[in-house]
Amino acid sequence: MREKKFARTRLALAQATTHHLEAAAFETLSVKALCERVQISEATFFNYFPRKDDLIVYLDHLWTLELNWYGLQAARQQQGLAVIEALFRYTAIQIQKKPGLMGEIIAHEARARERHAGPTITLAERMLAFADLEGIEDLPDDSLETLLRNALQSAIDAGELPVNTAIAAAMVALVSIFYGVPLAMQHANSAAIGAMYRQQLVILWEGLRVVAGKQAAR
């Protein structure tokens, strides 16, 4: 019961933060106002999140965990490049649904020099937050880079990309597309992010094949 109460309160704080982000930037979020909304004291808040910034790290972890689950479902039906494209498609849908939240998460990921551990997502939190996602309780909380790298290697193993594909360069390009497209387009037309993701990925796949072919011909 104690674990469930802890999970409900932390998820309530995360939900209240998400609600705030759809109207204003994270910097404007007041811990006092957040606590009033969830009906806890400010001292209690810091038992759940030692720092205010841990809220964004926590929301990032929740999103990455859900992305892991979605990627696993895609990998069960497809392989390689299709999995990467599915991850980008899912992200584009989430950006359109929750532009404020996703904007903060992407900005946090883009400026983080290293992955901050932040609050651990407990089993109770997984079950409450994602009750309809079967098997999510057993999934690892892998980073986005790990998901993309694994799918990229799978694409090479399956022959979708040449065996001499420069994985490091491909990863730089993938991460740049992932973060760069939303940052460039969200204020203009968030609904077009999915189409731009698809276009940029097609260009990347063709570019990787051309470069690998030239290197093999030397």
N, C-alpha and C. Protein backbone atom coordinates (compact mmCIF):
# COMPACT_ATOMS: atom_id res chain seq x y z
N MET A 1 0.82 -1.20 0.00
CA MET A 1 0.00 0.00 0.00
C MET A 1 0.86 1.26 0.00
N ARG A 2 1.98 1.20 0.77
CA ARG A 2 2.88 2.35 0.83
C ARG A 2 3.49 2.62 -0.54
N GLU A 3 3.89 1.55 -1.24
CA GLU A 3 4.48 1.70 -2.57
C GLU A 3 3.47 2.28 -3.56
N LYS A 4 2.22 1.83 -3.48
CA LYS A 4 1.19 2.34 -4.38
C LYS A 4 0.89 3.81 -4.10
N LYS A 5 0.86 4.20 -2.82
CA LYS A 5 0.63 5.59 -2.47
C LYS A 5 1.77 6.46 -3.00
N PHE A 6 3.00 5.99 -2.83
CA PHE A 6 4.16 6.72 -3.34
C PHE A 6 4.05 6.89 -4.85
N ALA A 7 3.69 5.80 -5.54
CA ALA A 7 3.58 5.83 -6.99
C ALA A 7 2.49 6.79 -7.44
N ARG A 8 1.33 6.74 -6.78
CA ARG A 8 0.22 7.61 -7.17
C ARG A 8 0.59 9.08 -7.00
N THR A 9 1.27 9.40 -5.91
CA THR A 9 1.64 10.79 -5.66
C THR A 9 2.67 11.28 -6.67
N ARG A 10 3.67 10.46 -6.96
CA ARG A 10 4.70 10.89 -7.91
C ARG A 10 4.11 11.02 -9.32
N LEU A 11 3.24 10.10 -9.69
CA LEU A 11 2.60 10.20 -11.00
C LEU A 11 1.64 11.39 -11.06
N ALA A 12 1.02 11.71 -9.95
CA ALA A 12 0.14 12.89 -9.91
C ALA A 12 0.95 14.16 -10.11
N LEU A 13 2.14 14.22 -9.52
CA LEU A 13 3.03 15.36 -9.72
C LEU A 13 3.48 15.44 -11.17
N ALA A 14 3.77 14.29 -11.75
CA ALA A 14 4.18 14.26 -13.16
C ALA A 14 3.04 14.72 -14.06
N GLN A 15 1.82 14.28 -13.77
CA GLN A 15 0.66 14.67 -14.56
C GLN A 15 0.38 16.16 -14.44
N ALA A 16 0.50 16.69 -13.24
CA ALA A 16 0.28 18.12 -13.04
C ALA A 16 1.34 18.94 -13.78
N THR A 17 2.56 18.43 -13.79
CA THR A 17 3.64 19.10 -14.54
C THR A 17 3.34 19.08 -16.04
N THR A 18 2.88 17.93 -16.54
CA THR A 18 2.52 17.81 -17.94
C THR A 18 1.43 18.81 -18.31
N HIS A 19 0.45 18.94 -17.45
CA HIS A 19 -0.65 19.89 -17.67
C HIS A 19 -0.10 21.31 -17.76
N HIS A 20 0.81 21.66 -16.88
CA HIS A 20 1.42 22.99 -16.88
C HIS A 20 2.19 23.25 -18.18
N LEU A 21 2.91 22.23 -18.66
CA LEU A 21 3.76 22.40 -19.83
C LEU A 21 2.98 22.63 -21.12
N GLU A 22 1.71 22.29 -21.14
CA GLU A 22 0.90 22.55 -22.33
C GLU A 22 0.47 24.01 -22.42
N ALA A 23 0.75 24.77 -21.35
CA ALA A 23 0.38 26.19 -21.35
C ALA A 23 1.57 27.11 -21.14
N ALA A 24 2.63 26.59 -20.51
CA ALA A 24 3.77 27.45 -20.18
C ALA A 24 5.05 26.62 -20.10
N ALA A 25 6.19 27.31 -20.07
CA ALA A 25 7.49 26.64 -20.02
C ALA A 25 7.76 26.09 -18.62
N PHE A 26 8.65 25.10 -18.55
CA PHE A 26 8.97 24.45 -17.29
C PHE A 26 9.55 25.45 -16.29
N GLU A 27 10.32 26.42 -16.79
CA GLU A 27 10.95 27.40 -15.90
C GLU A 27 9.93 28.19 -15.09
N THR A 28 8.72 28.31 -15.62
CA THR A 28 7.69 29.09 -14.91
C THR A 28 6.93 28.26 -13.89
N LEU A 29 7.21 26.97 -13.84
CA LEU A 29 6.49 26.10 -12.91
C LEU A 29 6.92 26.37 -11.47
N SER A 30 5.95 26.63 -10.63
CA SER A 30 6.21 26.88 -9.21
C SER A 30 5.99 25.59 -8.42
N VAL A 31 6.99 25.20 -7.64
CA VAL A 31 6.84 24.01 -6.80
C VAL A 31 5.68 24.20 -5.83
N LYS A 32 5.52 25.41 -5.32
CA LYS A 32 4.43 25.69 -4.38
C LYS A 32 3.08 25.46 -5.05
N ALA A 33 2.91 26.00 -6.26
CA ALA A 33 1.64 25.83 -6.98
C ALA A 33 1.40 24.37 -7.33
N LEU A 34 2.46 23.68 -7.69
CA LEU A 34 2.36 22.26 -8.04
C LEU A 34 1.90 21.46 -6.82
N CYS A 35 2.47 21.76 -5.68
CA CYS A 35 2.11 21.04 -4.45
C CYS A 35 0.66 21.33 -4.05
N GLU A 36 0.23 22.57 -4.25
CA GLU A 36 -1.17 22.91 -3.95
C GLU A 36 -2.11 22.12 -4.85
N ARG A 37 -1.72 21.95 -6.10
CA ARG A 37 -2.57 21.22 -7.04
C ARG A 37 -2.69 19.75 -6.64
N VAL A 38 -1.59 19.16 -6.16
CA VAL A 38 -1.58 17.74 -5.81
C VAL A 38 -1.94 17.53 -4.33
N GLN A 39 -1.98 18.64 -3.58
CA GLN A 39 -2.35 18.63 -2.16
C GLN A 39 -1.32 17.90 -1.30
N ILE A 40 -0.06 18.33 -1.46
CA ILE A 40 1.01 17.87 -0.57
C ILE A 40 1.81 19.10 -0.16
N SER A 41 2.64 18.96 0.86
CA SER A 41 3.47 20.07 1.30
C SER A 41 4.71 20.17 0.43
N GLU A 42 5.35 21.33 0.43
CA GLU A 42 6.59 21.49 -0.33
C GLU A 42 7.68 20.58 0.21
N ALA A 43 7.71 20.38 1.51
CA ALA A 43 8.71 19.49 2.10
C ALA A 43 8.50 18.06 1.60
N THR A 44 7.23 17.66 1.49
CA THR A 44 6.93 16.32 0.98
C THR A 44 7.36 16.18 -0.47
N PHE A 45 7.19 17.25 -1.25
CA PHE A 45 7.58 17.22 -2.67
C PHE A 45 9.02 16.75 -2.83
N PHE A 46 9.91 17.27 -2.00
CA PHE A 46 11.33 16.95 -2.15
C PHE A 46 11.68 15.54 -1.67
N ASN A 47 10.72 14.87 -1.06
CA ASN A 47 10.89 13.44 -0.78
C ASN A 47 10.69 12.62 -2.06
N TYR A 48 9.91 13.17 -2.97
CA TYR A 48 9.62 12.49 -4.23
C TYR A 48 10.60 12.90 -5.32
N PHE A 49 10.96 14.19 -5.33
CA PHE A 49 11.89 14.72 -6.32
C PHE A 49 12.88 15.64 -5.61
N PRO A 50 14.11 15.17 -5.38
CA PRO A 50 15.10 15.97 -4.66
C PRO A 50 15.36 17.33 -5.28
N ARG A 51 15.21 17.44 -6.63
CA ARG A 51 15.37 18.69 -7.33
C ARG A 51 14.16 18.91 -8.24
N LYS A 52 13.83 20.17 -8.47
CA LYS A 52 12.73 20.46 -9.38
C LYS A 52 13.01 19.88 -10.77
N ASP A 53 14.26 19.98 -11.23
CA ASP A 53 14.62 19.49 -12.56
C ASP A 53 14.42 17.97 -12.69
N ASP A 54 14.37 17.27 -11.55
CA ASP A 54 14.16 15.82 -11.61
C ASP A 54 12.78 15.48 -12.18
N LEU A 55 11.87 16.43 -12.15
CA LEU A 55 10.56 16.21 -12.76
C LEU A 55 10.69 15.95 -14.26
N ILE A 56 11.53 16.76 -14.93
CA ILE A 56 11.72 16.58 -16.37
C ILE A 56 12.46 15.26 -16.63
N VAL A 57 13.44 14.94 -15.81
CA VAL A 57 14.16 13.67 -15.97
C VAL A 57 13.19 12.51 -15.81
N TYR A 58 12.30 12.62 -14.84
CA TYR A 58 11.31 11.56 -14.58
C TYR A 58 10.35 11.42 -15.76
N LEU A 59 9.85 12.54 -16.26
CA LEU A 59 8.96 12.51 -17.42
C LEU A 59 9.68 11.95 -18.65
N ASP A 60 10.95 12.28 -18.77
CA ASP A 60 11.77 11.74 -19.86
C ASP A 60 11.88 10.22 -19.73
N HIS A 61 12.12 9.73 -18.52
CA HIS A 61 12.23 8.29 -18.29
C HIS A 61 10.91 7.57 -18.59
N LEU A 62 9.80 8.18 -18.20
CA LEU A 62 8.50 7.59 -18.48
C LEU A 62 8.28 7.48 -19.99
N TRP A 63 8.60 8.56 -20.69
CA TRP A 63 8.43 8.56 -22.14
C TRP A 63 9.35 7.54 -22.80
N THR A 64 10.61 7.47 -22.35
CA THR A 64 11.57 6.52 -22.94
C THR A 64 11.13 5.09 -22.69
N LEU A 65 10.59 4.82 -21.51
CA LEU A 65 10.09 3.48 -21.20
C LEU A 65 8.94 3.12 -22.15
N GLU A 66 8.03 4.05 -22.36
CA GLU A 66 6.92 3.81 -23.29
C GLU A 66 7.45 3.63 -24.71
N LEU A 67 8.47 4.40 -25.08
CA LEU A 67 9.08 4.27 -26.41
C LEU A 67 9.73 2.89 -26.56
N ASN A 68 10.36 2.40 -25.49
CA ASN A 68 10.93 1.06 -25.49
C ASN A 68 9.85 0.02 -25.79
N TRP A 69 8.71 0.17 -25.13
CA TRP A 69 7.62 -0.79 -25.33
C TRP A 69 7.13 -0.73 -26.77
N TYR A 70 6.96 0.47 -27.28
CA TYR A 70 6.49 0.63 -28.66
C TYR A 70 7.51 0.05 -29.63
N GLY A 71 8.79 0.30 -29.37
CA GLY A 71 9.83 -0.25 -30.23
C GLY A 71 9.84 -1.77 -30.22
N LEU A 72 9.58 -2.37 -29.05
CA LEU A 72 9.53 -3.83 -28.95
C LEU A 72 8.38 -4.39 -29.78
N GLN A 73 7.23 -3.72 -29.73
CA GLN A 73 6.09 -4.18 -30.54
C GLN A 73 6.42 -4.09 -32.02
N ALA A 74 7.09 -3.01 -32.42
CA ALA A 74 7.47 -2.84 -33.82
C ALA A 74 8.46 -3.92 -34.24
N ALA A 75 9.42 -4.24 -33.34
CA ALA A 75 10.45 -5.24 -33.65
C ALA A 75 9.86 -6.64 -33.79
N ARG A 76 8.72 -6.89 -33.16
CA ARG A 76 8.09 -8.20 -33.26
C ARG A 76 7.43 -8.41 -34.63
N GLN A 77 7.14 -7.31 -35.31
CA GLN A 77 6.46 -7.39 -36.59
C GLN A 77 7.36 -6.99 -37.76
N GLN A 78 8.42 -6.22 -37.47
CA GLN A 78 9.28 -5.69 -38.51
C GLN A 78 10.74 -5.85 -38.07
N GLN A 79 11.64 -5.28 -38.83
CA GLN A 79 13.04 -5.33 -38.44
C GLN A 79 13.77 -4.10 -38.96
N GLY A 80 14.95 -3.86 -38.38
CA GLY A 80 15.86 -2.85 -38.89
C GLY A 80 15.30 -1.47 -39.09
N LEU A 81 15.35 -1.00 -40.33
CA LEU A 81 14.95 0.36 -40.65
C LEU A 81 13.49 0.62 -40.33
N ALA A 82 12.64 -0.37 -40.50
CA ALA A 82 11.22 -0.20 -40.20
C ALA A 82 11.00 0.09 -38.72
N VAL A 83 11.83 -0.50 -37.86
CA VAL A 83 11.72 -0.25 -36.42
C VAL A 83 12.10 1.19 -36.12
N ILE A 84 13.19 1.66 -36.72
CA ILE A 84 13.61 3.05 -36.53
C ILE A 84 12.51 4.00 -37.00
N GLU A 85 11.96 3.72 -38.16
CA GLU A 85 10.90 4.57 -38.70
C GLU A 85 9.67 4.55 -37.80
N ALA A 86 9.39 3.40 -37.20
CA ALA A 86 8.25 3.30 -36.27
C ALA A 86 8.50 4.15 -35.02
N LEU A 87 9.73 4.16 -34.52
CA LEU A 87 10.06 4.97 -33.34
C LEU A 87 9.89 6.46 -33.66
N PHE A 88 10.32 6.87 -34.84
CA PHE A 88 10.17 8.27 -35.23
C PHE A 88 8.69 8.60 -35.44
N ARG A 89 7.94 7.68 -36.02
CA ARG A 89 6.51 7.92 -36.25
C ARG A 89 5.77 8.07 -34.92
N TYR A 90 6.09 7.20 -33.96
CA TYR A 90 5.46 7.28 -32.65
C TYR A 90 5.79 8.62 -31.99
N THR A 91 7.05 9.04 -32.08
CA THR A 91 7.46 10.30 -31.47
C THR A 91 6.73 11.47 -32.10
N ALA A 92 6.58 11.46 -33.42
CA ALA A 92 5.87 12.54 -34.11
C ALA A 92 4.42 12.65 -33.63
N ILE A 93 3.79 11.49 -33.40
CA ILE A 93 2.41 11.49 -32.90
C ILE A 93 2.34 12.08 -31.51
N GLN A 94 3.31 11.72 -30.65
CA GLN A 94 3.34 12.24 -29.29
C GLN A 94 3.59 13.74 -29.26
N ILE A 95 4.44 14.22 -30.17
CA ILE A 95 4.72 15.66 -30.24
C ILE A 95 3.45 16.42 -30.62
N GLN A 96 2.68 15.85 -31.53
CA GLN A 96 1.44 16.50 -31.95
C GLN A 96 0.41 16.49 -30.83
N LYS A 97 0.37 15.40 -30.04
CA LYS A 97 -0.60 15.30 -28.95
C LYS A 97 -0.21 16.19 -27.76
N LYS A 98 1.09 16.18 -27.42
CA LYS A 98 1.55 16.92 -26.23
C LYS A 98 2.79 17.74 -26.60
N PRO A 99 2.62 18.80 -27.36
CA PRO A 99 3.77 19.58 -27.83
C PRO A 99 4.58 20.21 -26.71
N GLY A 100 3.91 20.66 -25.65
CA GLY A 100 4.63 21.29 -24.55
C GLY A 100 5.53 20.31 -23.82
N LEU A 101 4.98 19.15 -23.47
CA LEU A 101 5.75 18.12 -22.78
C LEU A 101 6.90 17.62 -23.64
N MET A 102 6.60 17.28 -24.89
CA MET A 102 7.63 16.72 -25.76
C MET A 102 8.70 17.75 -26.08
N GLY A 103 8.31 19.00 -26.18
CA GLY A 103 9.31 20.04 -26.41
C GLY A 103 10.30 20.13 -25.28
N GLU A 104 9.80 20.03 -24.04
CA GLU A 104 10.70 20.07 -22.87
C GLU A 104 11.58 18.83 -22.81
N ILE A 105 11.01 17.65 -23.10
CA ILE A 105 11.79 16.42 -23.06
C ILE A 105 12.89 16.45 -24.11
N ILE A 106 12.54 16.85 -25.34
CA ILE A 106 13.53 16.90 -26.41
C ILE A 106 14.62 17.92 -26.10
N ALA A 107 14.22 19.08 -25.57
CA ALA A 107 15.21 20.10 -25.19
C ALA A 107 16.13 19.58 -24.09
N HIS A 108 15.54 18.86 -23.12
CA HIS A 108 16.34 18.28 -22.04
C HIS A 108 17.34 17.26 -22.58
N GLU A 109 16.87 16.38 -23.45
CA GLU A 109 17.74 15.36 -24.03
C GLU A 109 18.85 16.01 -24.86
N ALA A 110 18.50 17.05 -25.60
CA ALA A 110 19.46 17.67 -26.50
C ALA A 110 20.58 18.40 -25.75
N ARG A 111 20.24 18.96 -24.59
CA ARG A 111 21.27 19.73 -23.89
C ARG A 111 21.99 18.94 -22.80
N ALA A 112 21.51 17.74 -22.49
CA ALA A 112 22.15 16.93 -21.44
C ALA A 112 23.47 16.36 -21.94
N ARG A 113 24.54 16.62 -21.24
CA ARG A 113 25.86 16.11 -21.63
C ARG A 113 25.98 14.62 -21.35
N GLU A 114 25.27 14.15 -20.34
CA GLU A 114 25.24 12.72 -20.04
C GLU A 114 23.89 12.41 -19.40
N ARG A 115 23.50 11.18 -19.48
CA ARG A 115 22.18 10.79 -18.98
C ARG A 115 22.17 10.80 -17.46
N HIS A 116 21.38 11.71 -16.89
CA HIS A 116 21.25 11.80 -15.44
C HIS A 116 20.30 10.71 -14.95
N ALA A 117 20.74 9.96 -13.96
CA ALA A 117 19.95 8.82 -13.49
C ALA A 117 18.56 9.26 -13.05
N GLY A 118 18.50 10.30 -12.22
CA GLY A 118 17.22 10.80 -11.78
C GLY A 118 16.43 9.77 -10.99
N PRO A 119 15.14 10.03 -10.78
CA PRO A 119 14.29 9.10 -10.02
C PRO A 119 14.09 7.80 -10.77
N THR A 120 14.19 6.69 -10.06
CA THR A 120 13.93 5.38 -10.65
C THR A 120 12.43 5.14 -10.75
N ILE A 121 12.00 4.61 -11.87
CA ILE A 121 10.59 4.29 -12.04
C ILE A 121 10.33 2.94 -11.39
N THR A 122 9.53 2.92 -10.36
CA THR A 122 9.26 1.69 -9.62
C THR A 122 8.29 0.80 -10.38
N LEU A 123 8.22 -0.46 -9.95
CA LEU A 123 7.29 -1.40 -10.57
C LEU A 123 5.85 -0.90 -10.42
N ALA A 124 5.51 -0.36 -9.24
CA ALA A 124 4.16 0.15 -9.02
C ALA A 124 3.85 1.30 -9.96
N GLU A 125 4.83 2.15 -10.21
CA GLU A 125 4.63 3.28 -11.13
C GLU A 125 4.43 2.79 -12.56
N ARG A 126 5.20 1.79 -12.95
CA ARG A 126 5.03 1.22 -14.29
C ARG A 126 3.61 0.67 -14.46
N MET A 127 3.13 -0.06 -13.47
CA MET A 127 1.83 -0.70 -13.56
C MET A 127 0.69 0.32 -13.56
N LEU A 128 0.86 1.39 -12.79
CA LEU A 128 -0.18 2.42 -12.73
C LEU A 128 -0.17 3.31 -13.96
N ALA A 129 1.03 3.69 -14.40
CA ALA A 129 1.13 4.62 -15.53
C ALA A 129 0.81 3.96 -16.86
N PHE A 130 1.13 2.66 -16.97
CA PHE A 130 0.96 1.96 -18.26
C PHE A 130 0.19 0.66 -18.08
N ALA A 131 -0.96 0.76 -17.46
CA ALA A 131 -1.74 -0.43 -17.15
C ALA A 131 -2.15 -1.21 -18.39
N ASP A 132 -2.24 -0.53 -19.53
CA ASP A 132 -2.70 -1.20 -20.75
C ASP A 132 -1.57 -1.70 -21.63
N LEU A 133 -0.31 -1.52 -21.20
CA LEU A 133 0.84 -1.95 -22.01
C LEU A 133 1.40 -3.25 -21.42
N GLU A 134 0.98 -4.35 -21.97
CA GLU A 134 1.35 -5.67 -21.45
C GLU A 134 2.86 -5.90 -21.53
N GLY A 135 3.44 -6.32 -20.41
CA GLY A 135 4.86 -6.65 -20.37
C GLY A 135 5.79 -5.50 -20.07
N ILE A 136 5.24 -4.29 -19.88
CA ILE A 136 6.11 -3.14 -19.67
C ILE A 136 6.85 -3.21 -18.34
N GLU A 137 6.32 -4.01 -17.41
CA GLU A 137 6.97 -4.12 -16.10
C GLU A 137 8.35 -4.77 -16.20
N ASP A 138 8.62 -5.51 -17.27
CA ASP A 138 9.89 -6.22 -17.41
C ASP A 138 10.87 -5.55 -18.36
N LEU A 139 10.46 -4.45 -18.98
CA LEU A 139 11.32 -3.81 -19.98
C LEU A 139 12.45 -3.02 -19.34
N PRO A 140 13.65 -3.04 -19.95
CA PRO A 140 14.74 -2.19 -19.48
C PRO A 140 14.48 -0.73 -19.86
N ASP A 141 14.99 0.19 -19.07
CA ASP A 141 14.82 1.62 -19.35
C ASP A 141 15.99 2.09 -20.20
N ASP A 142 16.07 1.57 -21.43
CA ASP A 142 17.17 1.93 -22.32
C ASP A 142 17.03 3.36 -22.82
N SER A 143 18.16 3.98 -23.17
CA SER A 143 18.14 5.32 -23.72
C SER A 143 17.69 5.27 -25.17
N LEU A 144 17.32 6.43 -25.71
CA LEU A 144 16.95 6.52 -27.11
C LEU A 144 18.10 6.07 -28.00
N GLU A 145 19.32 6.48 -27.64
CA GLU A 145 20.49 6.12 -28.45
C GLU A 145 20.67 4.61 -28.52
N THR A 146 20.42 3.92 -27.41
CA THR A 146 20.54 2.46 -27.40
C THR A 146 19.50 1.83 -28.32
N LEU A 147 18.25 2.33 -28.27
CA LEU A 147 17.20 1.81 -29.14
C LEU A 147 17.57 1.98 -30.61
N LEU A 148 18.05 3.17 -30.97
CA LEU A 148 18.38 3.45 -32.36
C LEU A 148 19.58 2.63 -32.82
N ARG A 149 20.59 2.52 -31.96
CA ARG A 149 21.79 1.77 -32.34
C ARG A 149 21.47 0.29 -32.56
N ASN A 150 20.65 -0.29 -31.69
CA ASN A 150 20.28 -1.70 -31.84
C ASN A 150 19.51 -1.94 -33.14
N ALA A 151 18.58 -1.03 -33.45
CA ALA A 151 17.80 -1.17 -34.68
C ALA A 151 18.68 -0.96 -35.91
N LEU A 152 19.63 -0.04 -35.81
CA LEU A 152 20.55 0.21 -36.92
C LEU A 152 21.41 -1.02 -37.19
N GLN A 153 21.92 -1.65 -36.15
CA GLN A 153 22.72 -2.86 -36.31
C GLN A 153 21.87 -3.98 -36.90
N SER A 154 20.61 -4.05 -36.49
CA SER A 154 19.71 -5.05 -37.05
C SER A 154 19.50 -4.83 -38.54
N ALA A 155 19.42 -3.56 -38.96
CA ALA A 155 19.25 -3.24 -40.38
C ALA A 155 20.47 -3.67 -41.18
N ILE A 156 21.65 -3.49 -40.61
CA ILE A 156 22.88 -3.91 -41.28
C ILE A 156 22.94 -5.43 -41.37
N ASP A 157 22.60 -6.10 -40.26
CA ASP A 157 22.61 -7.57 -40.25
C ASP A 157 21.61 -8.16 -41.25
N ALA A 158 20.51 -7.44 -41.47
CA ALA A 158 19.47 -7.92 -42.39
C ALA A 158 19.75 -7.55 -43.84
N GLY A 159 20.82 -6.80 -44.07
CA GLY A 159 21.17 -6.42 -45.44
C GLY A 159 20.44 -5.19 -45.95
N GLU A 160 19.74 -4.48 -45.09
CA GLU A 160 19.06 -3.26 -45.52
C GLU A 160 20.05 -2.13 -45.73
N LEU A 161 21.14 -2.18 -45.01
CA LEU A 161 22.23 -1.23 -45.18
C LEU A 161 23.51 -2.02 -45.40
N PRO A 162 24.48 -1.45 -46.12
CA PRO A 162 25.74 -2.17 -46.38
C PRO A 162 26.47 -2.54 -45.09
N VAL A 163 27.24 -3.60 -45.15
CA VAL A 163 27.97 -4.07 -43.97
C VAL A 163 29.03 -3.07 -43.52
N ASN A 164 29.49 -2.22 -44.45
CA ASN A 164 30.51 -1.23 -44.08
C ASN A 164 29.89 0.12 -43.74
N THR A 165 28.61 0.12 -43.41
CA THR A 165 27.95 1.37 -42.97
C THR A 165 28.66 1.92 -41.74
N ALA A 166 28.95 3.20 -41.75
CA ALA A 166 29.60 3.86 -40.62
C ALA A 166 28.55 4.11 -39.53
N ILE A 167 28.51 3.22 -38.54
CA ILE A 167 27.47 3.31 -37.52
C ILE A 167 27.56 4.61 -36.72
N ALA A 168 28.77 5.02 -36.39
CA ALA A 168 28.93 6.25 -35.60
C ALA A 168 28.36 7.45 -36.34
N ALA A 169 28.67 7.55 -37.64
CA ALA A 169 28.15 8.66 -38.44
C ALA A 169 26.64 8.57 -38.59
N ALA A 170 26.14 7.35 -38.77
CA ALA A 170 24.70 7.16 -38.91
C ALA A 170 23.97 7.55 -37.63
N MET A 171 24.57 7.25 -36.48
CA MET A 171 23.96 7.60 -35.20
C MET A 171 23.91 9.12 -35.02
N VAL A 172 24.98 9.80 -35.40
CA VAL A 172 24.98 11.27 -35.31
C VAL A 172 23.84 11.84 -36.16
N ALA A 173 23.68 11.30 -37.36
CA ALA A 173 22.63 11.78 -38.26
C ALA A 173 21.24 11.49 -37.69
N LEU A 174 21.04 10.27 -37.15
CA LEU A 174 19.74 9.91 -36.59
C LEU A 174 19.36 10.81 -35.41
N VAL A 175 20.29 11.00 -34.51
CA VAL A 175 20.02 11.83 -33.34
C VAL A 175 19.77 13.28 -33.76
N SER A 176 20.52 13.74 -34.76
CA SER A 176 20.33 15.11 -35.25
C SER A 176 18.94 15.28 -35.86
N ILE A 177 18.49 14.29 -36.62
CA ILE A 177 17.15 14.35 -37.20
C ILE A 177 16.10 14.30 -36.10
N PHE A 178 16.29 13.41 -35.14
CA PHE A 178 15.31 13.22 -34.07
C PHE A 178 15.07 14.52 -33.30
N TYR A 179 16.16 15.19 -32.91
CA TYR A 179 16.02 16.41 -32.13
C TYR A 179 15.84 17.64 -33.01
N GLY A 180 16.52 17.67 -34.15
CA GLY A 180 16.54 18.87 -34.98
C GLY A 180 15.23 19.18 -35.67
N VAL A 181 14.55 18.16 -36.19
CA VAL A 181 13.30 18.39 -36.90
C VAL A 181 12.24 19.04 -36.00
N PRO A 182 11.96 18.50 -34.81
CA PRO A 182 10.96 19.15 -33.94
C PRO A 182 11.36 20.56 -33.53
N LEU A 183 12.64 20.77 -33.22
CA LEU A 183 13.08 22.09 -32.81
C LEU A 183 12.94 23.10 -33.95
N ALA A 184 13.12 22.64 -35.18
CA ALA A 184 13.02 23.53 -36.34
C ALA A 184 11.58 23.78 -36.76
N MET A 185 10.68 22.83 -36.48
CA MET A 185 9.34 22.91 -37.05
C MET A 185 8.20 23.09 -36.07
N GLN A 186 8.41 22.87 -34.78
CA GLN A 186 7.26 22.82 -33.87
C GLN A 186 6.49 24.13 -33.80
N HIS A 187 7.17 25.25 -34.00
CA HIS A 187 6.46 26.53 -33.93
C HIS A 187 5.75 26.85 -35.25
N ALA A 188 6.14 26.17 -36.32
CA ALA A 188 5.54 26.43 -37.62
C ALA A 188 4.35 25.49 -37.88
N ASN A 189 4.59 24.18 -37.75
CA ASN A 189 3.54 23.22 -38.04
C ASN A 189 3.90 21.87 -37.44
N SER A 190 3.47 21.62 -36.22
CA SER A 190 3.83 20.37 -35.54
C SER A 190 3.24 19.16 -36.25
N ALA A 191 2.12 19.35 -36.97
CA ALA A 191 1.49 18.23 -37.66
C ALA A 191 2.35 17.72 -38.81
N ALA A 192 3.29 18.55 -39.29
CA ALA A 192 4.12 18.16 -40.43
C ALA A 192 5.42 17.47 -40.00
N ILE A 193 5.62 17.32 -38.70
CA ILE A 193 6.86 16.72 -38.21
C ILE A 193 7.00 15.28 -38.68
N GLY A 194 5.93 14.51 -38.66
CA GLY A 194 5.98 13.11 -39.09
C GLY A 194 6.43 12.99 -40.53
N ALA A 195 5.87 13.81 -41.42
CA ALA A 195 6.24 13.78 -42.83
C ALA A 195 7.70 14.18 -43.03
N MET A 196 8.15 15.18 -42.27
CA MET A 196 9.55 15.60 -42.39
C MET A 196 10.49 14.54 -41.86
N TYR A 197 10.10 13.87 -40.77
CA TYR A 197 10.89 12.75 -40.27
C TYR A 197 11.08 11.71 -41.38
N ARG A 198 9.98 11.33 -42.03
CA ARG A 198 10.05 10.32 -43.08
C ARG A 198 10.97 10.75 -44.22
N GLN A 199 10.84 12.00 -44.61
CA GLN A 199 11.66 12.50 -45.71
C GLN A 199 13.15 12.48 -45.35
N GLN A 200 13.46 12.93 -44.14
CA GLN A 200 14.86 12.98 -43.72
C GLN A 200 15.46 11.59 -43.58
N LEU A 201 14.66 10.63 -43.12
CA LEU A 201 15.15 9.25 -42.99
C LEU A 201 15.42 8.63 -44.36
N VAL A 202 14.55 8.88 -45.33
CA VAL A 202 14.78 8.37 -46.69
C VAL A 202 16.10 8.92 -47.24
N ILE A 203 16.32 10.21 -47.03
CA ILE A 203 17.57 10.84 -47.49
C ILE A 203 18.77 10.20 -46.80
N LEU A 204 18.63 9.95 -45.49
CA LEU A 204 19.74 9.36 -44.73
C LEU A 204 20.06 7.96 -45.23
N TRP A 205 19.03 7.12 -45.40
CA TRP A 205 19.29 5.74 -45.84
C TRP A 205 19.99 5.73 -47.20
N GLU A 206 19.53 6.56 -48.12
CA GLU A 206 20.16 6.61 -49.44
C GLU A 206 21.58 7.14 -49.34
N GLY A 207 21.79 8.14 -48.50
CA GLY A 207 23.12 8.69 -48.33
C GLY A 207 24.10 7.68 -47.75
N LEU A 208 23.65 6.90 -46.78
CA LEU A 208 24.51 5.88 -46.18
C LEU A 208 24.90 4.82 -47.21
N ARG A 209 23.96 4.46 -48.05
CA ARG A 209 24.25 3.45 -49.10
C ARG A 209 25.25 3.98 -50.11
N VAL A 210 25.08 5.23 -50.50
CA VAL A 210 25.99 5.83 -51.49
C VAL A 210 27.41 5.93 -50.91
N VAL A 211 27.51 6.41 -49.69
CA VAL A 211 28.84 6.56 -49.07
C VAL A 211 29.50 5.20 -48.90
N ALA A 212 28.76 4.21 -48.42
CA ALA A 212 29.31 2.87 -48.24
C ALA A 212 29.75 2.29 -49.58
N GLY A 213 28.97 2.54 -50.66
CA GLY A 213 29.33 2.04 -51.97
C GLY A 213 30.61 2.66 -52.49
N LYS A 214 30.79 3.95 -52.28
CA LYS A 214 32.01 4.62 -52.71
C LYS A 214 33.22 4.11 -51.95
N GLN A 215 33.04 3.87 -50.64
CA GLN A 215 34.16 3.34 -49.85
C GLN A 215 34.54 1.94 -50.29
N ALA A 216 33.55 1.13 -50.63
CA ALA A 216 33.82 -0.24 -51.07
C ALA A 216 34.52 -0.26 -52.42
N ALA A 217 34.28 0.76 -53.26
CA ALA A 217 34.86 0.81 -54.59
C ALA A 217 36.31 1.30 -54.60
N ARG A 218 36.76 1.83 -53.51
CA ARG A 218 38.13 2.36 -53.45
C ARG A 218 39.17 1.23 -53.44
